[in-house]
PDB file of N, CA and C in Angstrom:
ATOM      1  N   MET A   1     -28.906 -27.712  14.605  1.00  0.00           N
ATOM      2  CA  MET A   1     -28.906 -27.740  13.164  1.00  0.00           C
ATOM      3  C   MET A   1     -28.721 -26.328  12.579  1.00  0.00           C
ATOM      4  N   LYS A   2     -29.371 -25.350  13.199  1.00  0.00           N
ATOM      5  CA  LYS A   2     -29.242 -23.973  12.721  1.00  0.00           C
ATOM      6  C   LYS A   2     -27.817 -23.461  12.899  1.00  0.00           C
ATOM      7  N   ILE A   3     -27.178 -23.903  13.948  1.00  0.00           N
ATOM      8  CA  ILE A   3     -25.809 -23.465  14.208  1.00  0.00           C
ATOM      9  C   ILE A   3     -24.873 -23.979  13.114  1.00  0.00           C
ATOM     10  N   ILE A   4     -25.080 -25.203  12.681  1.00  0.00           N
ATOM     11  CA  ILE A   4     -24.235 -25.774  11.629  1.00  0.00           C
ATOM     12  C   ILE A   4     -24.398 -24.982  10.334  1.00  0.00           C
ATOM     13  N   PHE A   5     -25.641 -24.642   9.978  1.00  0.00           N
ATOM     14  CA  PHE A   5     -25.867 -23.843   8.771  1.00  0.00           C
ATOM     15  C   PHE A   5     -25.230 -22.465   8.903  1.00  0.00           C
ATOM     16  N   PHE A   6     -25.315 -21.892  10.074  1.00  0.00           N
ATOM     17  CA  PHE A   6     -24.707 -20.582  10.316  1.00  0.00           C
ATOM     18  C   PHE A   6     -23.193 -20.650  10.140  1.00  0.00           C
ATOM     19  N   ILE A   7     -22.572 -21.665  10.676  1.00  0.00           N
ATOM     20  CA  ILE A   7     -21.120 -21.834  10.554  1.00  0.00           C
ATOM     21  C   ILE A   7     -20.726 -22.064   9.101  1.00  0.00           C
ATOM     22  N   ILE A   8     -21.523 -22.858   8.387  1.00  0.00           N
ATOM     23  CA  ILE A   8     -21.226 -23.123   6.976  1.00  0.00           C
ATOM     24  C   ILE A   8     -21.322 -21.850   6.149  1.00  0.00           C
ATOM     25  N   LEU A   9     -22.256 -20.975   6.483  1.00  0.00           N
ATOM     26  CA  LEU A   9     -22.417 -19.732   5.731  1.00  0.00           C
ATOM     27  C   LEU A   9     -21.349 -18.694   6.077  1.00  0.00           C
ATOM     28  N   ILE A  10     -20.951 -18.621   7.323  1.00  0.00           N
ATOM     29  CA  ILE A  10     -20.009 -17.597   7.776  1.00  0.00           C
ATOM     30  C   ILE A  10     -18.553 -17.981   7.515  1.00  0.00           C
ATOM     31  N   PHE A  11     -18.210 -19.236   7.571  1.00  0.00           N
ATOM     32  CA  PHE A  11     -16.828 -19.687   7.453  1.00  0.00           C
ATOM     33  C   PHE A  11     -16.137 -19.213   6.172  1.00  0.00           C
ATOM     34  N   PRO A  12     -16.755 -19.339   4.979  1.00  0.00           N
ATOM     35  CA  PRO A  12     -16.064 -18.853   3.770  1.00  0.00           C
ATOM     36  C   PRO A  12     -15.777 -17.351   3.800  1.00  0.00           C
ATOM     37  N   PHE A  13     -16.672 -16.568   4.385  1.00  0.00           N
ATOM     38  CA  PHE A  13     -16.435 -15.133   4.470  1.00  0.00           C
ATOM     39  C   PHE A  13     -15.235 -14.821   5.362  1.00  0.00           C
ATOM     40  N   SER A  14     -15.069 -15.574   6.421  1.00  0.00           N
ATOM     41  CA  SER A  14     -13.941 -15.320   7.313  1.00  0.00           C
ATOM     42  C   SER A  14     -12.604 -15.691   6.655  1.00  0.00           C
ATOM     43  N   LEU A  15     -12.626 -16.635   5.729  1.00  0.00           N
ATOM     44  CA  LEU A  15     -11.395 -17.007   5.034  1.00  0.00           C
ATOM     45  C   LEU A  15     -10.913 -15.908   4.091  1.00  0.00           C
ATOM     46  N   PHE A  16     -11.837 -15.276   3.386  1.00  0.00           N
ATOM     47  CA  PHE A  16     -11.464 -14.309   2.365  1.00  0.00           C
ATOM     48  C   PHE A  16     -11.433 -12.872   2.867  1.00  0.00           C
ATOM     49  N   SER A  17     -11.887 -12.621   4.076  1.00  0.00           N
ATOM     50  CA  SER A  17     -11.929 -11.252   4.569  1.00  0.00           C
ATOM     51  C   SER A  17     -10.673 -10.847   5.335  1.00  0.00           C
ATOM     52  N   LYS A  18      -9.711 -11.734   5.452  1.00  0.00           N
ATOM     53  CA  LYS A  18      -8.489 -11.407   6.171  1.00  0.00           C
ATOM     54  C   LYS A  18      -7.689 -10.372   5.391  1.00  0.00           C
ATOM     55  N   GLU A  19      -7.237  -9.368   6.074  1.00  0.00           N
ATOM     56  CA  GLU A  19      -6.443  -8.327   5.455  1.00  0.00           C
ATOM     57  C   GLU A  19      -4.973  -8.710   5.585  1.00  0.00           C
ATOM     58  N   ALA A  20      -4.242  -8.438   4.540  1.00  0.00           N
ATOM     59  CA  ALA A  20      -2.825  -8.778   4.558  1.00  0.00           C
ATOM     60  C   ALA A  20      -2.098  -7.917   5.575  1.00  0.00           C
ATOM     61  N   GLU A  21      -1.240  -8.549   6.334  1.00  0.00           N
ATOM     62  CA  GLU A  21      -0.435  -7.818   7.305  1.00  0.00           C
ATOM     63  C   GLU A  21       0.984  -7.740   6.763  1.00  0.00           C
ATOM     64  N   TYR A  22       1.466  -6.533   6.653  1.00  0.00           N
ATOM     65  CA  TYR A  22       2.793  -6.320   6.101  1.00  0.00           C
ATOM     66  C   TYR A  22       3.786  -6.163   7.233  1.00  0.00           C
ATOM     67  N   VAL A  23       4.910  -6.848   7.118  1.00  0.00           N
ATOM     68  CA  VAL A  23       5.943  -6.868   8.138  1.00  0.00           C
ATOM     69  C   VAL A  23       7.094  -5.966   7.696  1.00  0.00           C
ATOM     70  N   ILE A  24       7.605  -5.202   8.645  1.00  0.00           N
ATOM     71  CA  ILE A  24       8.746  -4.342   8.360  1.00  0.00           C
ATOM     72  C   ILE A  24       9.907  -5.214   7.885  1.00  0.00           C
ATOM     73  N   GLY A  25      10.523  -4.811   6.803  1.00  0.00           N
ATOM     74  CA  GLY A  25      11.640  -5.567   6.244  1.00  0.00           C
ATOM     75  C   GLY A  25      11.258  -6.443   5.073  1.00  0.00           C
ATOM     76  N   SER A  26       9.967  -6.666   4.855  1.00  0.00           N
ATOM     77  CA  SER A  26       9.571  -7.499   3.722  1.00  0.00           C
ATOM     78  C   SER A  26       9.705  -6.705   2.431  1.00  0.00           C
ATOM     79  N   GLU A  27       9.960  -7.419   1.349  1.00  0.00           N
ATOM     80  CA  GLU A  27      10.156  -6.794   0.050  1.00  0.00           C
ATOM     81  C   GLU A  27       9.014  -7.168  -0.872  1.00  0.00           C
ATOM     82  N   LEU A  28       8.546  -6.174  -1.629  1.00  0.00           N
ATOM     83  CA  LEU A  28       7.455  -6.364  -2.568  1.00  0.00           C
ATOM     84  C   LEU A  28       7.902  -5.913  -3.946  1.00  0.00           C
ATOM     85  N   GLU A  29       7.409  -6.602  -4.975  1.00  0.00           N
ATOM     86  CA  GLU A  29       7.821  -6.301  -6.341  1.00  0.00           C
ATOM     87  C   GLU A  29       6.611  -5.912  -7.180  1.00  0.00           C
ATOM     88  N   SER A  30       6.799  -4.921  -8.016  1.00  0.00           N
ATOM     89  CA  SER A  30       5.767  -4.480  -8.946  1.00  0.00           C
ATOM     90  C   SER A  30       5.817  -5.385 -10.175  1.00  0.00           C
ATOM     91  N   ASP A  31       4.667  -5.879 -10.575  1.00  0.00           N
ATOM     92  CA  ASP A  31       4.643  -6.710 -11.769  1.00  0.00           C
ATOM     93  C   ASP A  31       4.008  -5.937 -12.925  1.00  0.00           C
ATOM     94  N   ARG A  32       3.810  -6.586 -14.014  1.00  0.00           N
ATOM     95  CA  ARG A  32       3.361  -5.927 -15.230  1.00  0.00           C
ATOM     96  C   ARG A  32       1.990  -5.284 -15.087  1.00  0.00           C
ATOM     97  N   SER A  33       1.076  -5.904 -14.375  1.00  0.00           N
ATOM     98  CA  SER A  33      -0.302  -5.419 -14.316  1.00  0.00           C
ATOM     99  C   SER A  33      -0.551  -4.431 -13.182  1.00  0.00           C
ATOM    100  N   SER A  34       0.406  -4.219 -12.312  1.00  0.00           N
ATOM    101  CA  SER A  34       0.157  -3.343 -11.168  1.00  0.00           C
ATOM    102  C   SER A  34       0.751  -1.960 -11.390  1.00  0.00           C
ATOM    103  N   SER A  35       0.089  -0.995 -10.798  1.00  0.00           N
ATOM    104  CA  SER A  35       0.549   0.380 -10.864  1.00  0.00           C
ATOM    105  C   SER A  35       0.369   0.968  -9.469  1.00  0.00           C
ATOM    106  N   ILE A  36       1.435   1.479  -8.898  1.00  0.00           N
ATOM    107  CA  ILE A  36       1.364   1.997  -7.533  1.00  0.00           C
ATOM    108  C   ILE A  36       2.124   3.318  -7.467  1.00  0.00           C
ATOM    109  N   ALA A  37       1.576   4.250  -6.701  1.00  0.00           N
ATOM    110  CA  ALA A  37       2.200   5.557  -6.543  1.00  0.00           C
ATOM    111  C   ALA A  37       2.962   5.603  -5.228  1.00  0.00           C
ATOM    112  N   LEU A  38       4.190   6.107  -5.292  1.00  0.00           N
ATOM    113  CA  LEU A  38       5.021   6.307  -4.116  1.00  0.00           C
ATOM    114  C   LEU A  38       5.167   7.813  -3.918  1.00  0.00           C
ATOM    115  N   TYR A  39       4.988   8.280  -2.687  1.00  0.00           N
ATOM    116  CA  TYR A  39       4.999   9.706  -2.378  1.00  0.00           C
ATOM    117  C   TYR A  39       6.295  10.071  -1.668  1.00  0.00           C
ATOM    118  N   HIS A  40       6.898  11.180  -2.094  1.00  0.00           N
ATOM    119  CA  HIS A  40       8.165  11.593  -1.503  1.00  0.00           C
ATOM    120  C   HIS A  40       7.977  12.126  -0.077  1.00  0.00           C
ATOM    121  N   TYR A  41       6.873  12.828   0.165  1.00  0.00           N
ATOM    122  CA  TYR A  41       6.630  13.421   1.480  1.00  0.00           C
ATOM    123  C   TYR A  41       5.550  12.647   2.231  1.00  0.00           C
ATOM    124  N   ARG A  42       5.781  12.451   3.509  1.00  0.00           N
ATOM    125  CA  ARG A  42       4.803  11.756   4.345  1.00  0.00           C
ATOM    126  C   ARG A  42       3.506  12.553   4.441  1.00  0.00           C
ATOM    127  N   ALA A  43       3.591  13.876   4.462  1.00  0.00           N
ATOM    128  CA  ALA A  43       2.391  14.717   4.554  1.00  0.00           C
ATOM    129  C   ALA A  43       1.460  14.487   3.369  1.00  0.00           C
ATOM    130  N   ASP A  44       2.018  14.249   2.191  1.00  0.00           N
ATOM    131  CA  ASP A  44       1.192  13.965   1.019  1.00  0.00           C
ATOM    132  C   ASP A  44       0.421  12.655   1.192  1.00  0.00           C
ATOM    133  N   ALA A  45       1.100  11.636   1.693  1.00  0.00           N
ATOM    134  CA  ALA A  45       0.444  10.353   1.920  1.00  0.00           C
ATOM    135  C   ALA A  45      -0.624  10.465   3.006  1.00  0.00           C
ATOM    136  N   VAL A  46      -0.358  11.239   4.038  1.00  0.00           N
ATOM    137  CA  VAL A  46      -1.326  11.422   5.126  1.00  0.00           C
ATOM    138  C   VAL A  46      -2.564  12.151   4.613  1.00  0.00           C
ATOM    139  N   ARG A  47      -2.358  13.211   3.833  1.00  0.00           N
ATOM    140  CA  ARG A  47      -3.506  13.951   3.290  1.00  0.00           C
ATOM    141  C   ARG A  47      -4.352  13.083   2.378  1.00  0.00           C
ATOM    142  N   LEU A  48      -3.725  12.300   1.540  1.00  0.00           N
ATOM    143  CA  LEU A  48      -4.460  11.415   0.643  1.00  0.00           C
ATOM    144  C   LEU A  48      -5.208  10.346   1.419  1.00  0.00           C
ATOM    145  N   ASN A  49      -4.578   9.791   2.434  1.00  0.00           N
ATOM    146  CA  ASN A  49      -5.229   8.787   3.265  1.00  0.00           C
ATOM    147  C   ASN A  49      -6.440   9.378   3.987  1.00  0.00           C
ATOM    148  N   THR A  50      -6.307  10.586   4.505  1.00  0.00           N
ATOM    149  CA  THR A  50      -7.417  11.253   5.184  1.00  0.00           C
ATOM    150  C   THR A  50      -8.567  11.513   4.224  1.00  0.00           C
ATOM    151  N   ALA A  51      -8.242  11.979   3.029  1.00  0.00           N
ATOM    152  CA  ALA A  51      -9.282  12.244   2.037  1.00  0.00           C
ATOM    153  C   ALA A  51     -10.009  10.970   1.636  1.00  0.00           C
ATOM    154  N   ARG A  52      -9.290   9.854   1.543  1.00  0.00           N
ATOM    155  CA  ARG A  52      -9.941   8.576   1.221  1.00  0.00           C
ATOM    156  C   ARG A  52     -10.813   8.097   2.381  1.00  0.00           C
ATOM    157  N   ASP A  53     -10.334   8.282   3.604  1.00  0.00           N
ATOM    158  CA  ASP A  53     -11.094   7.832   4.771  1.00  0.00           C
ATOM    159  C   ASP A  53     -12.409   8.579   4.920  1.00  0.00           C
ATOM    160  N   PHE A  54     -12.405   9.889   4.677  1.00  0.00           N
ATOM    161  CA  PHE A  54     -13.604  10.692   4.882  1.00  0.00           C
ATOM    162  C   PHE A  54     -14.494  10.767   3.650  1.00  0.00           C
ATOM    163  N   ASP A  55     -14.084  10.140   2.550  1.00  0.00           N
ATOM    164  CA  ASP A  55     -14.895  10.076   1.341  1.00  0.00           C
ATOM    165  C   ASP A  55     -15.357  11.466   0.919  1.00  0.00           C
ATOM    166  N   PHE A  56     -14.394  12.338   0.692  1.00  0.00           N
ATOM    167  CA  PHE A  56     -14.681  13.709   0.285  1.00  0.00           C
ATOM    168  C   PHE A  56     -15.353  13.747  -1.084  1.00  0.00           C
ATOM    169  N   SER A  57     -16.072  14.833  -1.349  1.00  0.00           N
ATOM    170  CA  SER A  57     -16.597  15.060  -2.691  1.00  0.00           C
ATOM    171  C   SER A  57     -15.415  15.347  -3.611  1.00  0.00           C
ATOM    172  N   THR A  58     -15.667  15.353  -4.901  1.00  0.00           N
ATOM    173  CA  THR A  58     -14.572  15.542  -5.852  1.00  0.00           C
ATOM    174  C   THR A  58     -13.875  16.882  -5.649  1.00  0.00           C
ATOM    175  N   GLU A  59     -14.649  17.931  -5.463  1.00  0.00           N
ATOM    176  CA  GLU A  59     -14.056  19.260  -5.275  1.00  0.00           C
ATOM    177  C   GLU A  59     -13.242  19.328  -3.981  1.00  0.00           C
ATOM    178  N   ASP A  60     -13.790  18.803  -2.883  1.00  0.00           N
ATOM    179  CA  ASP A  60     -13.064  18.800  -1.612  1.00  0.00           C
ATOM    180  C   ASP A  60     -11.832  17.903  -1.681  1.00  0.00           C
ATOM    181  N   PHE A  61     -11.948  16.774  -2.386  1.00  0.00           N
ATOM    182  CA  PHE A  61     -10.821  15.864  -2.531  1.00  0.00           C
ATOM    183  C   PHE A  61      -9.671  16.561  -3.257  1.00  0.00           C
ATOM    184  N   LEU A  62      -9.987  17.251  -4.346  1.00  0.00           N
ATOM    185  CA  LEU A  62      -8.938  17.944  -5.108  1.00  0.00           C
ATOM    186  C   LEU A  62      -8.318  19.080  -4.312  1.00  0.00           C
ATOM    187  N   ARG A  63      -9.117  19.752  -3.499  1.00  0.00           N
ATOM    188  CA  ARG A  63      -8.600  20.860  -2.698  1.00  0.00           C
ATOM    189  C   ARG A  63      -7.732  20.342  -1.552  1.00  0.00           C
ATOM    190  N   HIS A  64      -8.150  19.261  -0.920  1.00  0.00           N
ATOM    191  CA  HIS A  64      -7.453  18.765   0.268  1.00  0.00           C
ATOM    192  C   HIS A  64      -6.249  17.889  -0.082  1.00  0.00           C
ATOM    193  N   ALA A  65      -6.388  17.046  -1.089  1.00  0.00           N
ATOM    194  CA  ALA A  65      -5.367  16.031  -1.341  1.00  0.00           C
ATOM    195  C   ALA A  65      -4.575  16.283  -2.618  1.00  0.00           C
ATOM    196  N   ALA A  66      -4.480  17.508  -3.047  1.00  0.00           N
ATOM    197  CA  ALA A  66      -3.687  17.808  -4.242  1.00  0.00           C
ATOM    198  C   ALA A  66      -2.206  17.592  -3.945  1.00  0.00           C
ATOM    199  N   ILE A  67      -1.551  16.850  -4.816  1.00  0.00           N
ATOM    200  CA  ILE A  67      -0.148  16.506  -4.635  1.00  0.00           C
ATOM    201  C   ILE A  67       0.609  16.901  -5.902  1.00  0.00           C
ATOM    202  N   ASP A  68       1.750  17.522  -5.722  1.00  0.00           N
ATOM    203  CA  ASP A  68       2.577  17.913  -6.854  1.00  0.00           C
ATOM    204  C   ASP A  68       3.090  16.658  -7.564  1.00  0.00           C
ATOM    205  N   ALA A  69       2.917  16.605  -8.858  1.00  0.00           N
ATOM    206  CA  ALA A  69       3.306  15.420  -9.625  1.00  0.00           C
ATOM    207  C   ALA A  69       4.805  15.161  -9.573  1.00  0.00           C
ATOM    208  N   ARG A  70       5.593  16.178  -9.278  1.00  0.00           N
ATOM    209  CA  ARG A  70       7.043  15.981  -9.198  1.00  0.00           C
ATOM    210  C   ARG A  70       7.444  15.195  -7.951  1.00  0.00           C
ATOM    211  N   ASP A  71       6.529  15.092  -6.990  1.00  0.00           N
ATOM    212  CA  ASP A  71       6.817  14.375  -5.747  1.00  0.00           C
ATOM    213  C   ASP A  71       6.201  12.988  -5.711  1.00  0.00           C
ATOM    214  N   ILE A  72       5.763  12.509  -6.860  1.00  0.00           N
ATOM    215  CA  ILE A  72       5.179  11.171  -6.959  1.00  0.00           C
ATOM    216  C   ILE A  72       6.031  10.340  -7.902  1.00  0.00           C
ATOM    217  N   TYR A  73       6.284   9.100  -7.502  1.00  0.00           N
ATOM    218  CA  TYR A  73       6.983   8.159  -8.369  1.00  0.00           C
ATOM    219  C   TYR A  73       6.031   7.003  -8.649  1.00  0.00           C
ATOM    220  N   LYS A  74       5.792   6.727  -9.906  1.00  0.00           N
ATOM    221  CA  LYS A  74       4.940   5.608 -10.291  1.00  0.00           C
ATOM    222  C   LYS A  74       5.831   4.391 -10.507  1.00  0.00           C
ATOM    223  N   ALA A  75       5.607   3.377  -9.704  1.00  0.00           N
ATOM    224  CA  ALA A  75       6.442   2.176  -9.766  1.00  0.00           C
ATOM    225  C   ALA A  75       6.263   1.492 -11.114  1.00  0.00           C
ATOM    226  N   ARG A  76       7.366   1.051 -11.660  1.00  0.00           N
ATOM    227  CA  ARG A  76       7.368   0.362 -12.947  1.00  0.00           C
ATOM    228  C   ARG A  76       7.516  -1.138 -12.733  1.00  0.00           C
ATOM    229  N   LYS A  77       7.353  -1.884 -13.802  1.00  0.00           N
ATOM    230  CA  LYS A  77       7.493  -3.340 -13.732  1.00  0.00           C
ATOM    231  C   LYS A  77       8.898  -3.698 -13.246  1.00  0.00           C
ATOM    232  N   GLY A  78       8.952  -4.540 -12.249  1.00  0.00           N
ATOM    233  CA  GLY A  78      10.228  -5.000 -11.721  1.00  0.00           C
ATOM    234  C   GLY A  78      10.784  -4.175 -10.579  1.00  0.00           C
ATOM    235  N   ASP A  79      10.172  -3.028 -10.271  1.00  0.00           N
ATOM    236  CA  ASP A  79      10.634  -2.228  -9.130  1.00  0.00           C
ATOM    237  C   ASP A  79      10.370  -2.977  -7.831  1.00  0.00           C
ATOM    238  N   VAL A  80      11.353  -2.972  -6.964  1.00  0.00           N
ATOM    239  CA  VAL A  80      11.244  -3.662  -5.676  1.00  0.00           C
ATOM    240  C   VAL A  80      11.326  -2.616  -4.571  1.00  0.00           C
ATOM    241  N   ILE A  81      10.399  -2.725  -3.605  1.00  0.00           N
ATOM    242  CA  ILE A  81      10.429  -1.834  -2.447  1.00  0.00           C
ATOM    243  C   ILE A  81      10.558  -2.662  -1.181  1.00  0.00           C
ATOM    244  N   ARG A  82      11.200  -2.080  -0.182  1.00  0.00           N
ATOM    245  CA  ARG A  82      11.352  -2.725   1.127  1.00  0.00           C
ATOM    246  C   ARG A  82      10.650  -1.847   2.155  1.00  0.00           C
ATOM    247  N   LEU A  83       9.761  -2.447   2.949  1.00  0.00           N
ATOM    248  CA  LEU A  83       9.044  -1.722   3.995  1.00  0.00           C
ATOM    249  C   LEU A  83      10.003  -1.439   5.141  1.00  0.00           C
ATOM    250  N   GLU A  84      10.055  -0.172   5.579  1.00  0.00           N
ATOM    251  CA  GLU A  84      11.012   0.199   6.623  1.00  0.00           C
ATOM    252  C   GLU A  84      10.370   0.665   7.918  1.00  0.00           C
ATOM    253  N   GLU A  85       9.279   1.414   7.819  1.00  0.00           N
ATOM    254  CA  GLU A  85       8.666   1.948   9.030  1.00  0.00           C
ATOM    255  C   GLU A  85       7.175   2.131   8.789  1.00  0.00           C
ATOM    256  N   SER A  86       6.402   1.962   9.856  1.00  0.00           N
ATOM    257  CA  SER A  86       4.950   2.063   9.764  1.00  0.00           C
ATOM    258  C   SER A  86       4.456   3.316  10.483  1.00  0.00           C
ATOM    259  N   TYR A  87       3.478   3.975   9.894  1.00  0.00           N
ATOM    260  CA  TYR A  87       2.860   5.159  10.491  1.00  0.00           C
ATOM    261  C   TYR A  87       1.344   4.974  10.495  1.00  0.00           C
ATOM    262  N   ARG A  88       0.704   5.666  11.429  1.00  0.00           N
ATOM    263  CA  ARG A  88      -0.762   5.676  11.521  1.00  0.00           C
ATOM    264  C   ARG A  88      -1.346   4.266  11.585  1.00  0.00           C
ATOM    265  N   ASP A  89      -0.866   3.486  12.505  1.00  0.00           N
ATOM    266  CA  ASP A  89      -1.348   2.121  12.742  1.00  0.00           C
ATOM    267  C   ASP A  89      -1.291   1.247  11.493  1.00  0.00           C
ATOM    268  N   GLY A  90      -0.248   1.392  10.713  1.00  0.00           N
ATOM    269  CA  GLY A  90      -0.048   0.543   9.546  1.00  0.00           C
ATOM    270  C   GLY A  90      -0.761   1.003   8.291  1.00  0.00           C
ATOM    271  N   LYS A  91      -1.319   2.200   8.288  1.00  0.00           N
ATOM    272  CA  LYS A  91      -1.997   2.699   7.088  1.00  0.00           C
ATOM    273  C   LYS A  91      -1.017   3.315   6.097  1.00  0.00           C
ATOM    274  N   ILE A  92       0.139   3.752   6.592  1.00  0.00           N
ATOM    275  CA  ILE A  92       1.157   4.368   5.745  1.00  0.00           C
ATOM    276  C   ILE A  92       2.504   3.742   6.098  1.00  0.00           C
ATOM    277  N   PHE A  93       3.303   3.442   5.080  1.00  0.00           N
ATOM    278  CA  PHE A  93       4.623   2.869   5.291  1.00  0.00           C
ATOM    279  C   PHE A  93       5.677   3.737   4.626  1.00  0.00           C
ATOM    280  N   ARG A  94       6.834   3.840   5.293  1.00  0.00           N
ATOM    281  CA  ARG A  94       8.005   4.415   4.648  1.00  0.00           C
ATOM    282  C   ARG A  94       8.714   3.255   3.979  1.00  0.00           C
ATOM    283  N   VAL A  95       9.071   3.422   2.716  1.00  0.00           N
ATOM    284  CA  VAL A  95       9.682   2.344   1.955  1.00  0.00           C
ATOM    285  C   VAL A  95      10.980   2.820   1.321  1.00  0.00           C
ATOM    286  N   SER A  96      11.836   1.863   1.025  1.00  0.00           N
ATOM    287  CA  SER A  96      13.050   2.118   0.259  1.00  0.00           C
ATOM    288  C   SER A  96      12.862   1.511  -1.115  1.00  0.00           C
ATOM    289  N   LEU A  97      13.134   2.290  -2.136  1.00  0.00           N
ATOM    290  CA  LEU A  97      13.072   1.794  -3.502  1.00  0.00           C
ATOM    291  C   LEU A  97      14.435   1.208  -3.839  1.00  0.00           C
ATOM    292  N   LEU A  98      14.462  -0.072  -4.146  1.00  0.00           N
ATOM    293  CA  LEU A  98      15.723  -0.774  -4.376  1.00  0.00           C
ATOM    294  C   LEU A  98      16.066  -0.784  -5.862  1.00  0.00           C
ATOM    295  N   SER A  99      16.182   0.387  -6.441  1.00  0.00           N
ATOM    296  CA  SER A  99      16.510   0.526  -7.851  1.00  0.00           C
ATOM    297  C   SER A  99      17.621   1.558  -7.991  1.00  0.00           C
ATOM    298  N   ASP A 100      18.540   1.299  -8.891  1.00  0.00           N
ATOM    299  CA  ASP A 100      19.645   2.231  -9.104  1.00  0.00           C
ATOM    300  C   ASP A 100      19.285   3.323 -10.099  1.00  0.00           C
ATOM    301  N   LYS A 101      18.126   3.209 -10.735  1.00  0.00           N
ATOM    302  CA  LYS A 101      17.749   4.138 -11.793  1.00  0.00           C
ATOM    303  C   LYS A 101      17.107   5.422 -11.275  1.00  0.00           C
ATOM    304  N   VAL A 102      16.766   5.489 -10.001  1.00  0.00           N
ATOM    305  CA  VAL A 102      16.070   6.658  -9.461  1.00  0.00           C
ATOM    306  C   VAL A 102      16.990   7.449  -8.542  1.00  0.00           C
ATOM    307  N   ARG A 103      16.694   8.734  -8.438  1.00  0.00           N
ATOM    308  CA  ARG A 103      17.497   9.615  -7.597  1.00  0.00           C
ATOM    309  C   ARG A 103      17.096   9.491  -6.134  1.00  0.00           C
ATOM    310  N   ARG A 104      15.809   9.524  -5.880  1.00  0.00           N
ATOM    311  CA  ARG A 104      15.309   9.411  -4.506  1.00  0.00           C
ATOM    312  C   ARG A 104      15.144   7.935  -4.150  1.00  0.00           C
ATOM    313  N   LYS A 105      15.503   7.597  -2.939  1.00  0.00           N
ATOM    314  CA  LYS A 105      15.411   6.205  -2.492  1.00  0.00           C
ATOM    315  C   LYS A 105      14.307   5.986  -1.466  1.00  0.00           C
ATOM    316  N   LYS A 106      13.957   7.009  -0.698  1.00  0.00           N
ATOM    317  CA  LYS A 106      12.964   6.885   0.367  1.00  0.00           C
ATOM    318  C   LYS A 106      11.635   7.474  -0.087  1.00  0.00           C
ATOM    319  N   TYR A 107      10.567   6.705   0.090  1.00  0.00           N
ATOM    320  CA  TYR A 107       9.226   7.137  -0.286  1.00  0.00           C
ATOM    321  C   TYR A 107       8.238   6.691   0.783  1.00  0.00           C
ATOM    322  N   PHE A 108       7.001   7.128   0.615  1.00  0.00           N
ATOM    323  CA  PHE A 108       5.898   6.716   1.475  1.00  0.00           C
ATOM    324  C   PHE A 108       4.803   6.139   0.600  1.00  0.00           C
ATOM    325  N   VAL A 109       4.111   5.131   1.125  1.00  0.00           N
ATOM    326  CA  VAL A 109       3.068   4.456   0.363  1.00  0.00           C
ATOM    327  C   VAL A 109       1.899   4.137   1.283  1.00  0.00           C
ATOM    328  N   LEU A 110       0.704   4.122   0.732  1.00  0.00           N
ATOM    329  CA  LEU A 110      -0.489   3.741   1.495  1.00  0.00           C
ATOM    330  C   LEU A 110      -0.593   2.222   1.517  1.00  0.00           C
ATOM    331  N   SER A 111      -0.973   1.664   2.647  1.00  0.00           N
ATOM    332  CA  SER A 111      -1.008   0.205   2.772  1.00  0.00           C
ATOM    333  C   SER A 111      -2.049  -0.430   1.861  1.00  0.00           C
ATOM    334  N   GLU A 112      -3.150   0.269   1.577  1.00  0.00           N
ATOM    335  CA  GLU A 112      -4.155  -0.322   0.697  1.00  0.00           C
ATOM    336  C   GLU A 112      -3.641  -0.414  -0.737  1.00  0.00           C
ATOM    337  N   ASP A 113      -2.657   0.387  -1.100  1.00  0.00           N
ATOM    338  CA  ASP A 113      -2.060   0.293  -2.427  1.00  0.00           C
ATOM    339  C   ASP A 113      -1.070  -0.869  -2.517  1.00  0.00           C
ATOM    340  N   LEU A 114      -0.582  -1.335  -1.388  1.00  0.00           N
ATOM    341  CA  LEU A 114       0.380  -2.441  -1.392  1.00  0.00           C
ATOM    342  C   LEU A 114      -0.244  -3.752  -1.861  1.00  0.00           C
ATOM    343  N   LYS A 115      -1.556  -3.835  -1.844  1.00  0.00           N
ATOM    344  CA  LYS A 115      -2.230  -5.052  -2.298  1.00  0.00           C
ATOM    345  C   LYS A 115      -1.961  -5.324  -3.777  1.00  0.00           C
ATOM    346  N   LYS A 116      -1.563  -4.291  -4.507  1.00  0.00           N
ATOM    347  CA  LYS A 116      -1.306  -4.423  -5.937  1.00  0.00           C
ATOM    348  C   LYS A 116       0.063  -5.041  -6.229  1.00  0.00           C
ATOM    349  N   LEU A 117       0.909  -5.165  -5.214  1.00  0.00           N
ATOM    350  CA  LEU A 117       2.260  -5.684  -5.397  1.00  0.00           C
ATOM    351  C   LEU A 117       2.340  -7.130  -4.941  1.00  0.00           C
ATOM    352  N   SER A 118       3.332  -7.851  -5.442  1.00  0.00           N
ATOM    353  CA  SER A 118       3.511  -9.239  -5.009  1.00  0.00           C
ATOM    354  C   SER A 118       4.691  -9.325  -4.039  1.00  0.00           C
ATOM    355  N   LEU A 119       4.534 -10.138  -3.031  1.00  0.00           N
ATOM    356  CA  LEU A 119       5.547 -10.315  -1.995  1.00  0.00           C
ATOM    357  C   LEU A 119       6.671 -11.188  -2.525  1.00  0.00           C
ATOM    358  N   ILE A 120       7.901 -10.767  -2.269  1.00  0.00           N
ATOM    359  CA  ILE A 120       9.072 -11.569  -2.638  1.00  0.00           C
ATOM    360  C   ILE A 120       9.420 -12.437  -1.450  1.00  0.00           C
ATOM    361  N   LEU A 121       9.376 -13.722  -1.659  1.00  0.00           N
ATOM    362  CA  LEU A 121       9.687 -14.651  -0.578  1.00  0.00           C
ATOM    363  C   LEU A 121      11.183 -14.688  -0.335  1.00  0.00           C
ATOM    364  N   PRO A 122      11.609 -14.737   0.944  1.00  0.00           N
ATOM    365  CA  PRO A 122      13.052 -14.801   1.231  1.00  0.00           C
ATOM    366  C   PRO A 122      13.647 -16.111   0.731  1.00  0.00           C
ATOM    367  N   GLU A 123      14.847 -16.003   0.205  1.00  0.00           N
ATOM    368  CA  GLU A 123      15.522 -17.197  -0.319  1.00  0.00           C
ATOM    369  C   GLU A 123      16.020 -18.045   0.847  1.00  0.00           C
ATOM    370  N   SER A 124      15.771 -19.349   0.753  1.00  0.00           N
ATOM    371  CA  SER A 124      16.239 -20.246   1.816  1.00  0.00           C
ATOM    372  C   SER A 124      17.616 -20.760   1.421  1.00  0.00           C
ATOM    373  N   SER A 125      18.537 -20.726   2.365  1.00  0.00           N
ATOM    374  CA  SER A 125      19.918 -21.133   2.086  1.00  0.00           C
ATOM    375  C   SER A 125      20.099 -22.599   2.260  1.00  0.00           C
TER     376      SER A 125
END
C-alpha cells in the first residue's frame, strides 16, 4: 500500500521534470512574449554559462561575464534560428539566424535560454 502512494506522489514530478532535448537541425521561432540573446563569440557564451553555473556574486558576475553589447543580438518576434552544433554537453549551441535583415548569420546561444522559443514542426509532404 505504501508503494502505491509513493508511486502516485512521484509520478507527476517525473512527468514535468523532463528537460527538453534539442536536436541538431531543428528550427525554433521567437514569439511575441519571448526575448533571447544570441552571442557572436563562443567565448562570451562560455563565460556567461560558467558564471551562471557557479552562482557568482553580482560584482564577480559583472567582472567575469561582461559582454560587449555590440556582440549580442536580441531576437525579435518572428526570428527563426536553426541549431547547428552543440558544445559543452549541450549547454551551448551554435545557431544560424534565418533572417535576411541581419549582417551576421552565425551565433551562439545557451540551451537554458532556448526554453523561451517555440519549436517549428517540420512540414509533412
